[in-house]
């Protein structure tokens, strides 16, 4: 593995931006403010920001690579490789692919969930981003419980979320229901029969959730509840050890989660677009009120990077705090103590970012686990030893 020396740059160290250098060796940050080692690959970071790699707890944009149009499938390995390139180019060095295993067939059915898990495990050594499996279990998917329990015991699941999208099948939401039917490949009549069968077992769902939450705790896998509707719902999940509230749908629930010290996840696209596409909670308002601790890419890989800089431009947070929402906080929620900040001994996931255009940051270089995996400006390569820069507070 090639040693890397990053010369200069406004480097995020704790809550401060400091003009300094970084030395990387063996996949770790080995020193700060040091002189370039002989033989190291040099990168000129002058006038750039040097930031920790982005950690994405919840992203399902890869589904568009799997099925870019309804009924049009592409091989899983091709889809994952393309998703990896997109994630890295947008600064995401740790990615949790949010894979839904539902009671419905098709894109979110059992066959795809198994195939994705197998493909991630097989391809992981070839992918630039640290690629992990976030299993989104539809709680009415009762027949999957035993298999998921075994996956947890075998260490194959990195995050487990509890989802309940049964409300989407209601005729009160015809557009969402139509998309769901189209995704399954079933006729409308066959879909209705399936829903009726699934709903007939509703009384079994709470016990299944409790058993899976227990299995996750035993396996040391962090768990999330999705679209919490009320403080009571959040409290029920918290009692099961589910410490991450993912997309609470109202402020009351977010306040209850924050008061209890839960991690609270909202979607970065919500910030970038200025609101939720569903008409629910506005993420930037929640952030301003201290009711959001993590931003996830959700369905759009560029969103985390863009959201952090929009929060700065809008005067909601300074950059160190905005960046924590997409780096140190998600790393902590996932139990990844080796990343999310730039410090000696930490995993070398490092971004060089050009912030010269407001709200349009540009990724210049990405280092993932000590390897240079993306470079947008070859002129930043240093071909000779350079003098060390003195560490000073960035302007």
Protein backbone atom coordinates (compact mmCIF):
# COMPACT_ATOMS: atom_id res chain seq x y z
CA UNK A 1 0.00 0.00 0.00
CA UNK A 2 1.47 3.36 -1.09
CA UNK A 3 2.14 5.97 1.59
CA UNK A 4 0.38 9.29 0.92
CA UNK A 5 1.33 12.80 2.00
CA UNK A 6 -1.29 15.55 1.85
CA UNK A 7 0.44 18.91 1.78
CA UNK A 8 -1.44 21.80 3.35
CA UNK A 9 -5.14 22.37 3.12
CA UNK A 10 -7.72 23.60 5.64
CA UNK A 11 -7.97 20.38 7.61
CA UNK A 12 -10.90 19.56 9.88
CA UNK A 13 -9.40 18.56 13.22
CA UNK A 14 -12.05 18.22 15.90
CA UNK A 15 -14.15 21.37 15.71
CA UNK A 16 -11.45 23.49 14.04
CA UNK A 17 -10.11 24.02 10.54
CA UNK A 18 -6.32 24.04 10.72
CA UNK A 19 -3.82 24.62 7.91
CA UNK A 20 -1.64 21.52 8.20
CA UNK A 21 -0.45 18.35 6.48
CA UNK A 22 -1.36 14.68 6.83
CA UNK A 23 0.77 11.57 6.54
CA UNK A 24 -0.94 8.29 5.65
CA UNK A 25 0.59 4.83 5.81
CA UNK A 26 -0.82 1.32 6.09
CA UNK A 27 -4.38 2.55 5.69
CA UNK A 28 -4.15 4.87 8.72
CA UNK A 29 -3.40 8.50 9.44
CA UNK A 30 0.04 8.27 11.00
CA UNK A 31 0.87 11.89 11.71
CA UNK A 32 -0.33 15.47 11.47
CA UNK A 33 1.85 18.42 10.48
CA UNK A 34 4.77 16.21 9.50
CA UNK A 35 7.24 16.42 6.64
CA UNK A 36 6.67 14.27 3.57
CA UNK A 37 8.16 10.79 3.85
CA UNK A 38 10.52 9.65 1.12
CA UNK A 39 8.65 7.71 -1.55
CA UNK A 40 5.22 8.90 -0.48
CA UNK A 41 2.64 9.93 -3.05
CA UNK A 42 2.11 13.66 -2.61
CA UNK A 43 -1.09 15.63 -3.01
CA UNK A 44 -1.20 19.42 -3.01
CA UNK A 45 -4.23 20.47 -0.94
CA UNK A 46 -3.53 24.21 -0.95
CA UNK A 47 -6.78 26.23 -1.09
CA UNK A 48 -8.77 23.03 -0.50
CA UNK A 49 -10.64 21.60 2.46
CA UNK A 50 -9.33 18.31 3.88
CA UNK A 51 -12.25 16.46 5.47
CA UNK A 52 -13.12 13.02 6.86
CA UNK A 53 -14.81 10.64 4.42
CA UNK A 54 -18.62 10.59 4.41
CA UNK A 55 -20.43 7.74 6.17
CA UNK A 56 -23.82 6.93 4.63
CA UNK A 57 -26.08 4.88 6.91
CA UNK A 58 -29.04 4.69 4.56
CA UNK A 59 -28.81 4.77 0.78
CA UNK A 60 -30.92 2.89 -1.74
CA UNK A 61 -29.92 4.77 -4.90
CA UNK A 62 -28.28 1.53 -6.05
CA UNK A 63 -31.78 0.23 -6.81
CA UNK A 64 -31.77 2.47 -9.90
CA UNK A 65 -28.72 0.61 -11.15
CA UNK A 66 -30.45 -2.71 -10.52
CA UNK A 67 -33.74 -1.67 -12.14
CA UNK A 68 -33.42 1.65 -14.01
CA UNK A 69 -36.93 1.16 -15.36
CA UNK A 70 -39.75 -1.03 -14.02
CA UNK A 71 -39.18 -4.56 -15.24
CA UNK A 72 -35.72 -3.77 -16.69
CA UNK A 73 -33.08 -5.63 -14.66
CA UNK A 74 -29.28 -5.46 -14.77
CA UNK A 75 -26.78 -7.87 -13.17
CA UNK A 76 -26.14 -7.26 -9.48
CA UNK A 77 -22.37 -7.08 -9.87
CA UNK A 78 -22.66 -4.43 -12.59
CA UNK A 79 -25.11 -2.41 -10.46
CA UNK A 80 -22.93 -2.55 -7.34
CA UNK A 81 -19.76 -1.58 -9.22
CA UNK A 82 -21.51 1.43 -10.77
CA UNK A 83 -22.99 2.42 -7.39
CA UNK A 84 -19.53 2.19 -5.83
CA UNK A 85 -18.13 4.62 -8.40
CA UNK A 86 -20.98 7.04 -7.77
CA UNK A 87 -20.58 6.86 -4.00
CA UNK A 88 -16.83 7.44 -4.10
CA UNK A 89 -17.11 10.32 -6.58
CA UNK A 90 -19.45 12.00 -4.08
CA UNK A 91 -17.13 11.51 -1.12
CA UNK A 92 -18.88 8.51 0.46
CA UNK A 93 -16.15 6.21 1.76
CA UNK A 94 -18.40 4.03 3.96
CA UNK A 95 -21.72 3.05 2.43
CA UNK A 96 -24.54 1.01 3.93
CA UNK A 97 -26.69 -0.26 1.08
CA UNK A 98 -30.28 -0.07 2.34
CA UNK A 99 -31.71 -3.36 1.09
CA UNK A 100 -35.42 -3.84 1.65
CA UNK A 101 -36.69 -7.39 2.20
CA UNK A 102 -40.44 -7.16 1.89
CA UNK A 103 -43.37 -9.54 1.73
CA UNK A 104 -43.77 -8.38 -1.86
CA UNK A 105 -42.02 -10.08 -4.80
CA UNK A 106 -39.81 -8.31 -7.35
CA UNK A 107 -37.19 -5.66 -6.64
CA UNK A 108 -37.69 -5.81 -2.87
CA UNK A 109 -38.43 -9.50 -2.58
CA UNK A 110 -36.54 -12.39 -1.01
CA UNK A 111 -34.55 -13.35 -4.10
CA UNK A 112 -33.13 -9.85 -4.52
CA UNK A 113 -32.29 -9.50 -0.82
CA UNK A 114 -30.37 -12.77 -0.83
CA UNK A 115 -28.68 -11.94 -4.11
CA UNK A 116 -27.60 -8.51 -2.93
CA UNK A 117 -26.15 -9.83 0.30
CA UNK A 118 -24.21 -12.52 -1.55
CA UNK A 119 -22.97 -10.00 -4.12
CA UNK A 120 -21.86 -7.46 -1.50
CA UNK A 121 -19.92 -10.12 0.37
CA UNK A 122 -18.30 -11.39 -2.84
CA UNK A 123 -17.48 -7.98 -4.35
CA UNK A 124 -16.51 -6.16 -1.15
CA UNK A 125 -12.73 -6.58 -1.64
CA UNK A 126 -13.00 -5.06 -5.13
CA UNK A 127 -15.04 -2.00 -4.15
CA UNK A 128 -13.43 1.31 -3.24
CA UNK A 129 -15.95 2.27 -0.56
CA UNK A 130 -16.28 0.17 2.57
CA UNK A 131 -19.56 -1.44 1.51
CA UNK A 132 -21.91 -2.78 4.17
CA UNK A 133 -25.36 -4.37 4.35
CA UNK A 134 -28.24 -2.42 5.88
CA UNK A 135 -31.20 -4.78 5.99
CA UNK A 136 -34.53 -3.00 5.93
CA UNK A 137 -36.98 -5.60 7.18
CA UNK A 138 -40.63 -4.99 6.38
CA UNK A 139 -42.20 -5.97 9.67
CA UNK A 140 -45.06 -7.87 8.00
CA UNK A 141 -42.49 -10.06 6.25
CA UNK A 142 -42.94 -12.72 8.90
CA UNK A 143 -41.73 -15.67 6.86
CA UNK A 144 -38.23 -14.14 6.69
CA UNK A 145 -37.69 -14.00 10.45
CA UNK A 146 -35.76 -17.24 10.88
CA UNK A 147 -33.43 -16.56 7.99
CA UNK A 148 -32.73 -13.00 9.15
CA UNK A 149 -32.03 -14.28 12.66
CA UNK A 150 -29.44 -16.62 11.19
CA UNK A 151 -27.90 -13.82 9.13
CA UNK A 152 -27.55 -11.76 12.29
CA UNK A 153 -25.93 -14.64 14.18
CA UNK A 154 -23.52 -15.21 11.28
CA UNK A 155 -22.40 -11.57 11.24
CA UNK A 156 -23.78 -10.90 7.76
CA UNK A 157 -25.93 -7.86 8.67
CA UNK A 158 -24.36 -4.51 9.60
CA UNK A 159 -27.54 -2.54 10.35
CA UNK A 160 -31.13 -3.73 10.84
CA UNK A 161 -34.08 -1.40 10.30
CA UNK A 162 -37.74 -2.07 11.04
CA UNK A 163 -40.00 -0.74 8.27
CA UNK A 164 -43.77 -0.79 7.92
CA UNK A 165 -45.03 0.41 4.56
CA UNK A 166 -48.40 -1.32 4.65
CA UNK A 167 -50.08 2.09 4.48
CA UNK A 168 -48.79 2.45 0.91
CA UNK A 169 -51.12 -0.31 -0.30
CA UNK A 170 -54.15 1.75 0.72
CA UNK A 171 -56.35 3.13 -2.04
CA UNK A 172 -55.97 6.46 -0.20
CA UNK A 173 -52.50 6.66 -1.79
CA UNK A 174 -53.22 5.46 -5.34
CA UNK A 175 -50.01 6.77 -6.94
CA UNK A 176 -47.73 5.09 -4.40
CA UNK A 177 -49.81 1.93 -4.56
CA UNK A 178 -49.56 1.90 -8.36
CA UNK A 179 -45.75 2.20 -8.21
CA UNK A 180 -45.64 -0.59 -5.66
CA UNK A 181 -47.77 -2.89 -7.83
CA UNK A 182 -45.62 -2.09 -10.86
CA UNK A 183 -42.46 -2.90 -8.89
CA UNK A 184 -43.78 -6.33 -7.92
CA UNK A 185 -44.69 -7.36 -11.46
CA UNK A 186 -48.08 -8.63 -10.24
CA UNK A 187 -51.50 -7.82 -11.60
CA UNK A 188 -53.65 -5.53 -9.46
CA UNK A 189 -55.89 -8.43 -8.50
CA UNK A 190 -53.00 -10.69 -7.53
CA UNK A 191 -51.45 -7.86 -5.49
CA UNK A 192 -54.70 -7.37 -3.58
CA UNK A 193 -54.88 -11.08 -2.75
CA UNK A 194 -51.30 -10.99 -1.48
CA UNK A 195 -52.00 -7.95 0.70
CA UNK A 196 -55.06 -9.63 2.19
CA UNK A 197 -52.99 -12.68 3.09
CA UNK A 198 -50.22 -10.61 4.65
CA UNK A 199 -52.60 -8.45 6.68
CA UNK A 200 -54.32 -11.52 8.12
CA UNK A 201 -51.21 -12.11 10.26
CA UNK A 202 -50.97 -8.58 11.67
CA UNK A 203 -51.27 -9.79 15.26
CA UNK A 204 -47.98 -11.71 14.88
CA UNK A 205 -45.93 -8.66 13.92
CA UNK A 206 -45.06 -7.15 17.36
CA UNK A 207 -43.62 -10.42 18.68
CA UNK A 208 -41.56 -10.86 15.51
CA UNK A 209 -40.11 -7.36 15.88
CA UNK A 210 -39.18 -8.10 19.50
CA UNK A 211 -37.44 -11.37 18.59
CA UNK A 212 -35.44 -9.79 15.79
CA UNK A 213 -34.46 -6.82 17.96
CA UNK A 214 -33.22 -9.25 20.60
CA UNK A 215 -31.24 -11.22 18.00
CA UNK A 216 -29.65 -7.98 16.78
CA UNK A 217 -28.66 -6.98 20.32
CA UNK A 218 -27.03 -10.37 20.90
CA UNK A 219 -25.14 -10.00 17.61
CA UNK A 220 -24.08 -6.41 18.38
CA UNK A 221 -25.89 -5.03 15.32
CA UNK A 222 -27.28 -1.47 15.64
CA UNK A 223 -31.00 -1.17 14.90
CA UNK A 224 -33.24 1.56 13.47
CA UNK A 225 -36.95 2.25 13.46
CA UNK A 226 -38.30 3.84 10.28
CA UNK A 227 -40.91 6.60 9.99
CA UNK A 228 -41.78 6.75 13.70
CA UNK A 229 -45.21 8.37 13.94
CA UNK A 230 -45.36 9.30 17.63
CA UNK A 231 -43.32 9.54 20.85
CA UNK A 232 -45.08 6.36 22.02
CA UNK A 233 -43.95 4.47 18.94
CA UNK A 234 -40.37 5.69 19.43
CA UNK A 235 -40.54 4.71 23.10
CA UNK A 236 -41.71 1.21 22.22
CA UNK A 237 -38.79 0.71 19.86
CA UNK A 238 -36.32 2.22 22.34
CA UNK A 239 -37.48 -0.32 24.93
CA UNK A 240 -36.39 -3.02 22.48
CA UNK A 241 -32.91 -1.48 22.20
CA UNK A 242 -33.59 0.29 18.90
CA UNK A 243 -31.55 3.45 19.43
CA UNK A 244 -31.71 5.08 15.98
CA UNK A 245 -34.85 6.95 14.86
CA UNK A 246 -34.86 7.04 11.08
CA UNK A 247 -37.03 9.76 9.50
CA UNK A 248 -39.46 10.53 12.35
CA UNK A 249 -42.43 12.08 10.60
CA UNK A 250 -43.21 14.94 12.99
CA UNK A 251 -41.44 17.30 15.36
CA UNK A 252 -43.09 15.89 18.46
CA UNK A 253 -41.54 12.49 17.81
CA UNK A 254 -38.14 13.99 17.00
CA UNK A 255 -38.20 15.94 20.28
CA UNK A 256 -38.94 12.78 22.23
CA UNK A 257 -36.10 10.97 20.48
CA UNK A 258 -33.65 13.81 21.16
CA UNK A 259 -34.67 14.03 24.83
CA UNK A 260 -33.90 10.33 25.22
CA UNK A 261 -30.50 10.65 23.53
CA UNK A 262 -31.44 8.65 20.43
CA UNK A 263 -29.66 9.15 17.12
CA UNK A 264 -32.03 10.87 14.68
CA UNK A 265 -31.63 10.39 10.93
CA UNK A 266 -33.10 12.57 8.21
CA UNK A 267 -32.51 12.55 4.47
CA UNK A 268 -29.89 14.85 3.00
CA UNK A 269 -32.01 15.37 -0.17
CA UNK A 270 -34.58 17.03 2.12
CA UNK A 271 -31.98 19.67 3.03
CA UNK A 272 -30.73 20.16 -0.53
CA UNK A 273 -34.24 20.54 -1.95
CA UNK A 274 -35.50 22.72 0.92
CA UNK A 275 -38.05 20.22 2.18
CA UNK A 276 -39.40 16.69 2.03
CA UNK A 277 -40.78 15.39 -1.25
CA UNK A 278 -43.49 13.66 0.84
CA UNK A 279 -44.57 16.87 2.58
CA UNK A 280 -43.36 15.64 5.98
CA UNK A 281 -40.79 17.17 8.34
CA UNK A 282 -38.38 19.77 6.93
CA UNK A 283 -34.91 18.50 7.84
CA UNK A 284 -33.19 21.89 7.99
CA UNK A 285 -35.73 23.05 10.58
CA UNK A 286 -35.05 19.95 12.65
CA UNK A 287 -31.30 20.54 12.42
CA UNK A 288 -31.68 24.17 13.51
CA UNK A 289 -33.63 22.97 16.55
CA UNK A 290 -31.09 20.28 17.45
CA UNK A 291 -33.46 17.49 16.44
CA UNK A 292 -31.30 15.78 13.82
CA UNK A 293 -27.94 14.13 14.42
CA UNK A 294 -27.37 12.31 11.09
CA UNK A 295 -28.02 13.01 7.42
CA UNK A 296 -28.18 10.06 5.01
CA UNK A 297 -28.04 10.03 1.20
CA UNK A 298 -31.45 8.30 1.16
CA UNK A 299 -32.03 8.01 -2.59
CA UNK A 300 -29.40 10.41 -4.04
CA UNK A 301 -25.65 9.95 -3.51
CA UNK A 302 -24.59 13.61 -4.05
CA UNK A 303 -27.00 14.84 -1.37
CA UNK A 304 -24.84 14.49 1.76
CA UNK A 305 -21.99 16.60 0.41
CA UNK A 306 -24.37 19.22 -0.96
CA UNK A 307 -26.47 19.30 2.21
CA UNK A 308 -23.50 20.04 4.48
CA UNK A 309 -22.52 23.06 2.44
CA UNK A 310 -26.10 24.28 2.11
CA UNK A 311 -26.43 24.24 5.90
CA UNK A 312 -23.34 26.45 6.05
CA UNK A 313 -24.55 28.80 3.30
CA UNK A 314 -27.96 29.14 4.97
CA UNK A 315 -26.32 30.04 8.28
CA UNK A 316 -27.78 27.04 10.09
CA UNK A 317 -24.49 25.40 11.13
CA UNK A 318 -20.77 26.06 10.82
CA UNK A 319 -18.94 23.56 8.60
CA UNK A 320 -17.48 21.41 11.43
CA UNK A 321 -20.96 20.83 12.88
CA UNK A 322 -22.55 20.32 9.47
CA UNK A 323 -19.84 17.82 8.53
CA UNK A 324 -20.38 15.86 11.76
CA UNK A 325 -23.89 15.03 10.51
CA UNK A 326 -22.37 13.04 7.64
CA UNK A 327 -19.15 11.73 9.17
CA UNK A 328 -18.53 11.36 12.91
CA UNK A 329 -22.19 11.00 13.99
CA UNK A 330 -23.17 8.24 11.53
CA UNK A 331 -19.89 6.46 12.30
CA UNK A 332 -20.73 6.55 16.02
CA UNK A 333 -24.30 5.34 15.43
CA UNK A 334 -22.99 2.38 13.43
CA UNK A 335 -20.40 1.55 16.08
CA UNK A 336 -17.47 2.37 13.77
CA UNK A 337 -14.94 3.89 16.14
CA UNK A 338 -12.09 3.93 13.63
CA UNK A 339 -13.45 6.63 11.29
CA UNK A 340 -15.47 9.80 10.97
CA UNK A 341 -12.71 12.13 12.18
CA UNK A 342 -9.15 12.96 11.12
CA UNK A 343 -6.73 11.91 13.85
CA UNK A 344 -3.61 9.81 14.28
CA UNK A 345 -4.38 6.10 14.32
CA UNK A 346 -7.76 6.49 12.60
CA UNK A 347 -8.70 4.88 9.31
CA UNK A 348 -7.47 7.02 6.42
CA UNK A 349 -10.74 8.01 4.74
CA UNK A 350 -9.97 11.52 3.54
CA UNK A 351 -11.54 13.96 1.08
CA UNK A 352 -10.00 16.96 -0.67
CA UNK A 353 -12.81 19.38 -1.48
CA UNK A 354 -12.87 22.59 -3.50
CA UNK A 355 -15.37 24.92 -1.81
CA UNK A 356 -14.66 28.00 -3.94
CA UNK A 357 -18.23 28.06 -5.33
CA UNK A 358 -20.90 28.47 -2.65
CA UNK A 359 -23.20 25.43 -2.25
CA UNK A 360 -21.44 23.63 -5.11
CA UNK A 361 -18.52 21.79 -3.48
CA UNK A 362 -16.35 19.76 -5.83
CA UNK A 363 -14.60 16.56 -4.82
CA UNK A 364 -10.98 16.82 -5.97
CA UNK A 365 -9.61 13.63 -4.42
CA UNK A 366 -10.82 10.71 -2.33
CA UNK A 367 -8.63 8.47 -0.20
CA UNK A 368 -10.40 5.37 1.12
CA UNK A 369 -8.66 3.12 3.64
CA UNK A 370 -5.34 4.69 2.70
CA UNK A 371 -5.74 4.28 -1.07
CA UNK A 372 -6.16 7.09 -3.59
CA UNK A 373 -9.36 5.94 -5.31
CA UNK A 374 -10.53 9.14 -7.02
CA UNK A 375 -8.60 12.10 -8.43
CA UNK A 376 -10.32 14.80 -10.46
CA UNK A 377 -7.26 17.04 -10.90
CA UNK A 378 -3.95 15.40 -11.79
CA UNK A 379 -2.25 18.77 -11.34
CA UNK A 380 -2.57 18.20 -7.59
CA UNK A 381 -0.01 15.39 -7.69
CA UNK A 382 3.36 16.33 -6.20
CA UNK A 383 6.32 14.73 -7.91
CA UNK A 384 9.02 15.85 -5.53
CA UNK A 385 9.50 16.24 -1.81
CA UNK A 386 7.86 19.34 -0.43
CA UNK A 387 8.64 21.40 2.62
CA UNK A 388 6.24 20.89 5.52
CA UNK A 389 3.74 23.62 6.23
CA UNK A 390 3.40 24.97 9.72
CA UNK A 391 0.05 24.15 11.36
CA UNK A 392 -1.96 27.36 11.70
CA UNK A 393 -5.62 28.12 12.20
CA UNK A 394 -7.38 28.43 8.85
CA UNK A 395 -8.87 31.79 7.99
